[in-house]
Amino acid sequence: MTDKLRSAHITEGVARAPNRSMFYAMGYKKADFAHPMIGIANAHSTITPCNSGLQKLADATEGQPWRHQR
């Protein structure tokens, strides 16, 4: 497995300066680009009970990916 992050495809190089600008505007720091960017999808809904517990799982997951960093 390569050490290069897949998220580097959207953040590295001159052509990706607009992307980095958007991330900086959202509060990212330069050091943040050394970490993987991980999206957490959540299908929480209050319409049916089968997905009602998903929000708690998403909230618990947020911020946790760094615990298992290589």
PDB file of N, CA and C in Angstrom:
ATOM      1  N   MET A   1       0.849  -1.188   0.000  1.00  0.00           N
ATOM      2  CA  MET A   1       0.000   0.000   0.000  1.00  0.00           C
ATOM      3  C   MET A   1       0.890   1.244   0.000  1.00  0.00           C
ATOM      4  N   THR A   2       0.501   2.204  -0.723  1.00  0.00           N
ATOM      5  CA  THR A   2       1.279   3.443  -0.808  1.00  0.00           C
ATOM      6  C   THR A   2       1.024   4.335   0.398  1.00  0.00           C
ATOM      7  N   ASP A   3       2.022   5.144   0.739  1.00  0.00           N
ATOM      8  CA  ASP A   3       1.875   6.069   1.864  1.00  0.00           C
ATOM      9  C   ASP A   3       1.155   7.349   1.466  1.00  0.00           C
ATOM     10  N   LYS A   4       0.982   7.581   0.175  1.00  0.00           N
ATOM     11  CA  LYS A   4       0.308   8.796  -0.292  1.00  0.00           C
ATOM     12  C   LYS A   4      -1.196   8.681  -0.015  1.00  0.00           C
ATOM     13  N   LEU A   5      -1.750   9.725   0.535  1.00  0.00           N
ATOM     14  CA  LEU A   5      -3.170   9.729   0.867  1.00  0.00           C
ATOM     15  C   LEU A   5      -4.022   9.901  -0.384  1.00  0.00           C
ATOM     16  N   ARG A   6      -5.123   9.178  -0.453  1.00  0.00           N
ATOM     17  CA  ARG A   6      -6.043   9.354  -1.585  1.00  0.00           C
ATOM     18  C   ARG A   6      -6.596  10.769  -1.624  1.00  0.00           C
ATOM     19  N   SER A   7      -6.759  11.376  -0.455  1.00  0.00           N
ATOM     20  CA  SER A   7      -7.288  12.741  -0.416  1.00  0.00           C
ATOM     21  C   SER A   7      -6.299  13.747  -0.989  1.00  0.00           C
ATOM     22  N   ALA A   8      -5.037  13.354  -1.189  1.00  0.00           N
ATOM     23  CA  ALA A   8      -4.050  14.252  -1.791  1.00  0.00           C
ATOM     24  C   ALA A   8      -4.428  14.605  -3.225  1.00  0.00           C
ATOM     25  N   HIS A   9      -5.237  13.766  -3.869  1.00  0.00           N
ATOM     26  CA  HIS A   9      -5.671  14.047  -5.238  1.00  0.00           C
ATOM     27  C   HIS A   9      -6.499  15.333  -5.332  1.00  0.00           C
ATOM     28  N   ILE A  10      -7.095  15.727  -4.225  1.00  0.00           N
ATOM     29  CA  ILE A  10      -7.911  16.959  -4.251  1.00  0.00           C
ATOM     30  C   ILE A  10      -7.251  18.127  -3.523  1.00  0.00           C
ATOM     31  N   THR A  11      -6.048  17.896  -2.949  1.00  0.00           N
ATOM     32  CA  THR A  11      -5.434  18.969  -2.171  1.00  0.00           C
ATOM     33  C   THR A  11      -4.020  19.347  -2.599  1.00  0.00           C
ATOM     34  N   GLU A  12      -3.339  18.509  -3.375  1.00  0.00           N
ATOM     35  CA  GLU A  12      -1.936  18.790  -3.709  1.00  0.00           C
ATOM     36  C   GLU A  12      -1.788  19.358  -5.116  1.00  0.00           C
ATOM     37  N   GLY A  13      -0.794  20.213  -5.285  1.00  0.00           N
ATOM     38  CA  GLY A  13      -0.461  20.758  -6.586  1.00  0.00           C
ATOM     39  C   GLY A  13      -1.052  22.135  -6.841  1.00  0.00           C
ATOM     40  N   VAL A  14      -0.484  22.800  -7.836  1.00  0.00           N
ATOM     41  CA  VAL A  14      -0.918  24.151  -8.199  1.00  0.00           C
ATOM     42  C   VAL A  14      -2.375  24.156  -8.655  1.00  0.00           C
ATOM     43  N   ALA A  15      -2.768  23.139  -9.406  1.00  0.00           N
ATOM     44  CA  ALA A  15      -4.139  23.086  -9.925  1.00  0.00           C
ATOM     45  C   ALA A  15      -5.178  22.921  -8.822  1.00  0.00           C
ATOM     46  N   ARG A  16      -4.751  22.497  -7.645  1.00  0.00           N
ATOM     47  CA  ARG A  16      -5.687  22.277  -6.528  1.00  0.00           C
ATOM     48  C   ARG A  16      -5.713  23.444  -5.544  1.00  0.00           C
ATOM     49  N   ALA A  17      -5.085  24.562  -5.900  1.00  0.00           N
ATOM     50  CA  ALA A  17      -5.084  25.747  -5.029  1.00  0.00           C
ATOM     51  C   ALA A  17      -6.507  26.215  -4.688  1.00  0.00           C
ATOM     52  N   PRO A  18      -7.441  26.220  -5.648  1.00  0.00           N
ATOM     53  CA  PRO A  18      -8.813  26.619  -5.287  1.00  0.00           C
ATOM     54  C   PRO A  18      -9.439  25.682  -4.245  1.00  0.00           C
ATOM     55  N   ASN A  19      -9.129  24.390  -4.338  1.00  0.00           N
ATOM     56  CA  ASN A  19      -9.654  23.434  -3.358  1.00  0.00           C
ATOM     57  C   ASN A  19      -9.108  23.748  -1.966  1.00  0.00           C
ATOM     58  N   ARG A  20      -7.783  23.964  -1.885  1.00  0.00           N
ATOM     59  CA  ARG A  20      -7.180  24.283  -0.595  1.00  0.00           C
ATOM     60  C   ARG A  20      -7.745  25.583  -0.034  1.00  0.00           C
ATOM     61  N   SER A  21      -7.980  26.541  -0.905  1.00  0.00           N
ATOM     62  CA  SER A  21      -8.549  27.815  -0.475  1.00  0.00           C
ATOM     63  C   SER A  21      -9.905  27.601   0.202  1.00  0.00           C
ATOM     64  N   MET A  22     -10.718  26.736  -0.370  1.00  0.00           N
ATOM     65  CA  MET A  22     -12.023  26.441   0.218  1.00  0.00           C
ATOM     66  C   MET A  22     -11.848  25.792   1.599  1.00  0.00           C
ATOM     67  N   PHE A  23     -10.910  24.831   1.702  1.00  0.00           N
ATOM     68  CA  PHE A  23     -10.678  24.180   2.988  1.00  0.00           C
ATOM     69  C   PHE A  23     -10.150  25.168   4.026  1.00  0.00           C
ATOM     70  N   TYR A  24      -9.242  26.061   3.621  1.00  0.00           N
ATOM     71  CA  TYR A  24      -8.750  27.086   4.547  1.00  0.00           C
ATOM     72  C   TYR A  24      -9.907  27.975   5.020  1.00  0.00           C
ATOM     73  N   ALA A  25     -10.811  28.300   4.125  1.00  0.00           N
ATOM     74  CA  ALA A  25     -11.967  29.131   4.494  1.00  0.00           C
ATOM     75  C   ALA A  25     -12.873  28.420   5.499  1.00  0.00           C
ATOM     76  N   MET A  26     -12.863  27.088   5.480  1.00  0.00           N
ATOM     77  CA  MET A  26     -13.661  26.308   6.429  1.00  0.00           C
ATOM     78  C   MET A  26     -12.934  26.094   7.755  1.00  0.00           C
ATOM     79  N   GLY A  27     -11.689  26.613   7.868  1.00  0.00           N
ATOM     80  CA  GLY A  27     -10.974  26.523   9.129  1.00  0.00           C
ATOM     81  C   GLY A  27      -9.841  25.503   9.161  1.00  0.00           C
ATOM     82  N   TYR A  28      -9.569  24.843   8.042  1.00  0.00           N
ATOM     83  CA  TYR A  28      -8.453  23.899   8.001  1.00  0.00           C
ATOM     84  C   TYR A  28      -7.141  24.649   8.170  1.00  0.00           C
ATOM     85  N   LYS A  29      -6.158  23.973   8.735  1.00  0.00           N
ATOM     86  CA  LYS A  29      -4.794  24.488   8.855  1.00  0.00           C
ATOM     87  C   LYS A  29      -3.893  23.673   7.920  1.00  0.00           C
ATOM     88  N   LYS A  30      -2.712  24.180   7.613  1.00  0.00           N
ATOM     89  CA  LYS A  30      -1.802  23.482   6.704  1.00  0.00           C
ATOM     90  C   LYS A  30      -1.516  22.058   7.184  1.00  0.00           C
ATOM     91  N   ALA A  31      -1.348  21.880   8.470  1.00  0.00           N
ATOM     92  CA  ALA A  31      -1.057  20.556   9.031  1.00  0.00           C
ATOM     93  C   ALA A  31      -2.198  19.561   8.809  1.00  0.00           C
ATOM     94  N   ASP A  32      -3.424  20.044   8.650  1.00  0.00           N
ATOM     95  CA  ASP A  32      -4.570  19.162   8.437  1.00  0.00           C
ATOM     96  C   ASP A  32      -4.458  18.372   7.137  1.00  0.00           C
ATOM     97  N   PHE A  33      -3.749  18.911   6.159  1.00  0.00           N
ATOM     98  CA  PHE A  33      -3.631  18.231   4.874  1.00  0.00           C
ATOM     99  C   PHE A  33      -2.713  17.015   4.944  1.00  0.00           C
ATOM    100  N   ALA A  34      -1.985  16.844   6.038  1.00  0.00           N
ATOM    101  CA  ALA A  34      -1.141  15.661   6.223  1.00  0.00           C
ATOM    102  C   ALA A  34      -1.948  14.464   6.704  1.00  0.00           C
ATOM    103  N   HIS A  35      -3.189  14.708   7.109  1.00  0.00           N
ATOM    104  CA  HIS A  35      -4.068  13.639   7.588  1.00  0.00           C
ATOM    105  C   HIS A  35      -5.071  13.259   6.494  1.00  0.00           C
ATOM    106  N   PRO A  36      -5.583  12.029   6.535  1.00  0.00           N
ATOM    107  CA  PRO A  36      -6.606  11.664   5.562  1.00  0.00           C
ATOM    108  C   PRO A  36      -7.890  12.462   5.784  1.00  0.00           C
ATOM    109  N   MET A  37      -8.600  12.746   4.714  1.00  0.00           N
ATOM    110  CA  MET A  37      -9.917  13.381   4.814  1.00  0.00           C
ATOM    111  C   MET A  37     -10.944  12.260   4.740  1.00  0.00           C
ATOM    112  N   ILE A  38     -11.740  12.157   5.771  1.00  0.00           N
ATOM    113  CA  ILE A  38     -12.687  11.059   5.884  1.00  0.00           C
ATOM    114  C   ILE A  38     -14.094  11.633   5.979  1.00  0.00           C
ATOM    115  N   GLY A  39     -14.979  11.166   5.124  1.00  0.00           N
ATOM    116  CA  GLY A  39     -16.376  11.583   5.174  1.00  0.00           C
ATOM    117  C   GLY A  39     -17.203  10.552   5.914  1.00  0.00           C
ATOM    118  N   ILE A  40     -18.129  10.995   6.715  1.00  0.00           N
ATOM    119  CA  ILE A  40     -19.016  10.096   7.448  1.00  0.00           C
ATOM    120  C   ILE A  40     -20.424  10.284   6.907  1.00  0.00           C
ATOM    121  N   ALA A  41     -20.930   9.248   6.252  1.00  0.00           N
ATOM    122  CA  ALA A  41     -22.293   9.298   5.706  1.00  0.00           C
ATOM    123  C   ALA A  41     -23.264   8.799   6.767  1.00  0.00           C
ATOM    124  N   ASN A  42     -24.430   9.408   6.806  1.00  0.00           N
ATOM    125  CA  ASN A  42     -25.406   9.069   7.829  1.00  0.00           C
ATOM    126  C   ASN A  42     -26.795   9.049   7.209  1.00  0.00           C
ATOM    127  N   ALA A  43     -27.490   7.935   7.383  1.00  0.00           N
ATOM    128  CA  ALA A  43     -28.846   7.794   6.839  1.00  0.00           C
ATOM    129  C   ALA A  43     -29.907   7.945   7.930  1.00  0.00           C
ATOM    130  N   HIS A  44     -29.593   8.713   8.957  1.00  0.00           N
ATOM    131  CA  HIS A  44     -30.539   8.927  10.064  1.00  0.00           C
ATOM    132  C   HIS A  44     -31.858   9.492   9.550  1.00  0.00           C
ATOM    133  N   SER A  45     -32.928   8.991  10.112  1.00  0.00           N
ATOM    134  CA  SER A  45     -34.257   9.473   9.752  1.00  0.00           C
ATOM    135  C   SER A  45     -35.178   9.292  10.945  1.00  0.00           C
ATOM    136  N   THR A  46     -36.093  10.218  11.123  1.00  0.00           N
ATOM    137  CA  THR A  46     -37.083  10.078  12.189  1.00  0.00           C
ATOM    138  C   THR A  46     -38.401   9.534  11.653  1.00  0.00           C
ATOM    139  N   ILE A  47     -38.438   9.241  10.354  1.00  0.00           N
ATOM    140  CA  ILE A  47     -39.669   8.752   9.735  1.00  0.00           C
ATOM    141  C   ILE A  47     -39.930   7.295  10.089  1.00  0.00           C
ATOM    142  N   THR A  48     -38.877   6.471  10.089  1.00  0.00           N
ATOM    143  CA  THR A  48     -39.025   5.055  10.426  1.00  0.00           C
ATOM    144  C   THR A  48     -38.076   4.713  11.562  1.00  0.00           C
ATOM    145  N   PRO A  49     -38.443   3.760  12.409  1.00  0.00           N
ATOM    146  CA  PRO A  49     -37.595   3.427  13.552  1.00  0.00           C
ATOM    147  C   PRO A  49     -36.296   2.692  13.191  1.00  0.00           C
ATOM    148  N   CYS A  50     -36.210   2.101  12.008  1.00  0.00           N
ATOM    149  CA  CYS A  50     -35.033   1.297  11.680  1.00  0.00           C
ATOM    150  C   CYS A  50     -33.747   2.121  11.593  1.00  0.00           C
ATOM    151  N   ASN A  51     -33.832   3.416  11.292  1.00  0.00           N
ATOM    152  CA  ASN A  51     -32.644   4.258  11.193  1.00  0.00           C
ATOM    153  C   ASN A  51     -32.524   5.253  12.348  1.00  0.00           C
ATOM    154  N   SER A  52     -33.371   5.135  13.333  1.00  0.00           N
ATOM    155  CA  SER A  52     -33.416   6.153  14.384  1.00  0.00           C
ATOM    156  C   SER A  52     -32.158   6.190  15.247  1.00  0.00           C
ATOM    157  N   GLY A  53     -31.412   5.108  15.338  1.00  0.00           N
ATOM    158  CA  GLY A  53     -30.210   5.093  16.171  1.00  0.00           C
ATOM    159  C   GLY A  53     -28.946   5.504  15.452  1.00  0.00           C
ATOM    160  N   LEU A  54     -29.036   5.785  14.178  1.00  0.00           N
ATOM    161  CA  LEU A  54     -27.838   6.081  13.404  1.00  0.00           C
ATOM    162  C   LEU A  54     -27.187   7.410  13.757  1.00  0.00           C
ATOM    163  N   GLN A  55     -27.958   8.391  14.198  1.00  0.00           N
ATOM    164  CA  GLN A  55     -27.366   9.690  14.532  1.00  0.00           C
ATOM    165  C   GLN A  55     -26.397   9.556  15.698  1.00  0.00           C
ATOM    166  N   LYS A  56     -26.748   8.728  16.693  1.00  0.00           N
ATOM    167  CA  LYS A  56     -25.857   8.519  17.833  1.00  0.00           C
ATOM    168  C   LYS A  56     -24.544   7.882  17.373  1.00  0.00           C
ATOM    169  N   LEU A  57     -24.624   6.931  16.435  1.00  0.00           N
ATOM    170  CA  LEU A  57     -23.412   6.298  15.912  1.00  0.00           C
ATOM    171  C   LEU A  57     -22.552   7.291  15.144  1.00  0.00           C
ATOM    172  N   ALA A  58     -23.168   8.121  14.315  1.00  0.00           N
ATOM    173  CA  ALA A  58     -22.417   9.118  13.552  1.00  0.00           C
ATOM    174  C   ALA A  58     -21.752  10.124  14.491  1.00  0.00           C
ATOM    175  N   ASP A  59     -22.472  10.542  15.524  1.00  0.00           N
ATOM    176  CA  ASP A  59     -21.900  11.489  16.483  1.00  0.00           C
ATOM    177  C   ASP A  59     -20.714  10.869  17.221  1.00  0.00           C
ATOM    178  N   ALA A  60     -20.813   9.581  17.561  1.00  0.00           N
ATOM    179  CA  ALA A  60     -19.728   8.897  18.264  1.00  0.00           C
ATOM    180  C   ALA A  60     -18.525   8.684  17.355  1.00  0.00           C
ATOM    181  N   THR A  61     -18.758   8.526  16.074  1.00  0.00           N
ATOM    182  CA  THR A  61     -17.690   8.265  15.116  1.00  0.00           C
ATOM    183  C   THR A  61     -16.912   9.525  14.789  1.00  0.00           C
ATOM    184  N   GLU A  62     -17.567  10.657  14.776  1.00  0.00           N
ATOM    185  CA  GLU A  62     -16.911  11.910  14.399  1.00  0.00           C
ATOM    186  C   GLU A  62     -15.745  12.199  15.325  1.00  0.00           C
ATOM    187  N   GLY A  63     -14.574  12.402  14.729  1.00  0.00           N
ATOM    188  CA  GLY A  63     -13.379  12.682  15.508  1.00  0.00           C
ATOM    189  C   GLY A  63     -12.590  11.449  15.902  1.00  0.00           C
ATOM    190  N   GLN A  64     -13.150  10.273  15.722  1.00  0.00           N
ATOM    191  CA  GLN A  64     -12.498   9.041  16.137  1.00  0.00           C
ATOM    192  C   GLN A  64     -11.490   8.458  15.144  1.00  0.00           C
ATOM    193  N   PRO A  65     -11.544   8.750  13.842  1.00  0.00           N
ATOM    194  CA  PRO A  65     -10.616   8.077  12.915  1.00  0.00           C
ATOM    195  C   PRO A  65      -9.153   8.226  13.278  1.00  0.00           C
ATOM    196  N   TRP A  66      -8.759   9.283  13.956  1.00  0.00           N
ATOM    197  CA  TRP A  66      -7.347   9.473  14.293  1.00  0.00           C
ATOM    198  C   TRP A  66      -6.847   8.470  15.303  1.00  0.00           C
ATOM    199  N   ARG A  67      -7.729   7.858  16.052  1.00  0.00           N
ATOM    200  CA  ARG A  67      -7.309   6.870  17.063  1.00  0.00           C
ATOM    201  C   ARG A  67      -6.628   5.671  16.414  1.00  0.00           C
ATOM    202  N   HIS A  68      -7.000   5.326  15.191  1.00  0.00           N
ATOM    203  CA  HIS A  68      -6.486   4.124  14.534  1.00  0.00           C
ATOM    204  C   HIS A  68      -5.502   4.458  13.419  1.00  0.00           C
ATOM    205  N   GLN A  69      -4.842   5.574  13.557  1.00  0.00           N
ATOM    206  CA  GLN A  69      -3.892   6.013  12.525  1.00  0.00           C
ATOM    207  C   GLN A  69      -2.689   5.082  12.504  1.00  0.00           C
ATOM    208  N   ARG A  70      -2.156   4.820  11.289  1.00  0.00           N
ATOM    209  CA  ARG A  70      -0.992   3.937  11.152  1.00  0.00           C
ATOM    210  C   ARG A  70       0.234   4.588  11.726  1.00  0.00           C
TER     211      ARG A  70
END
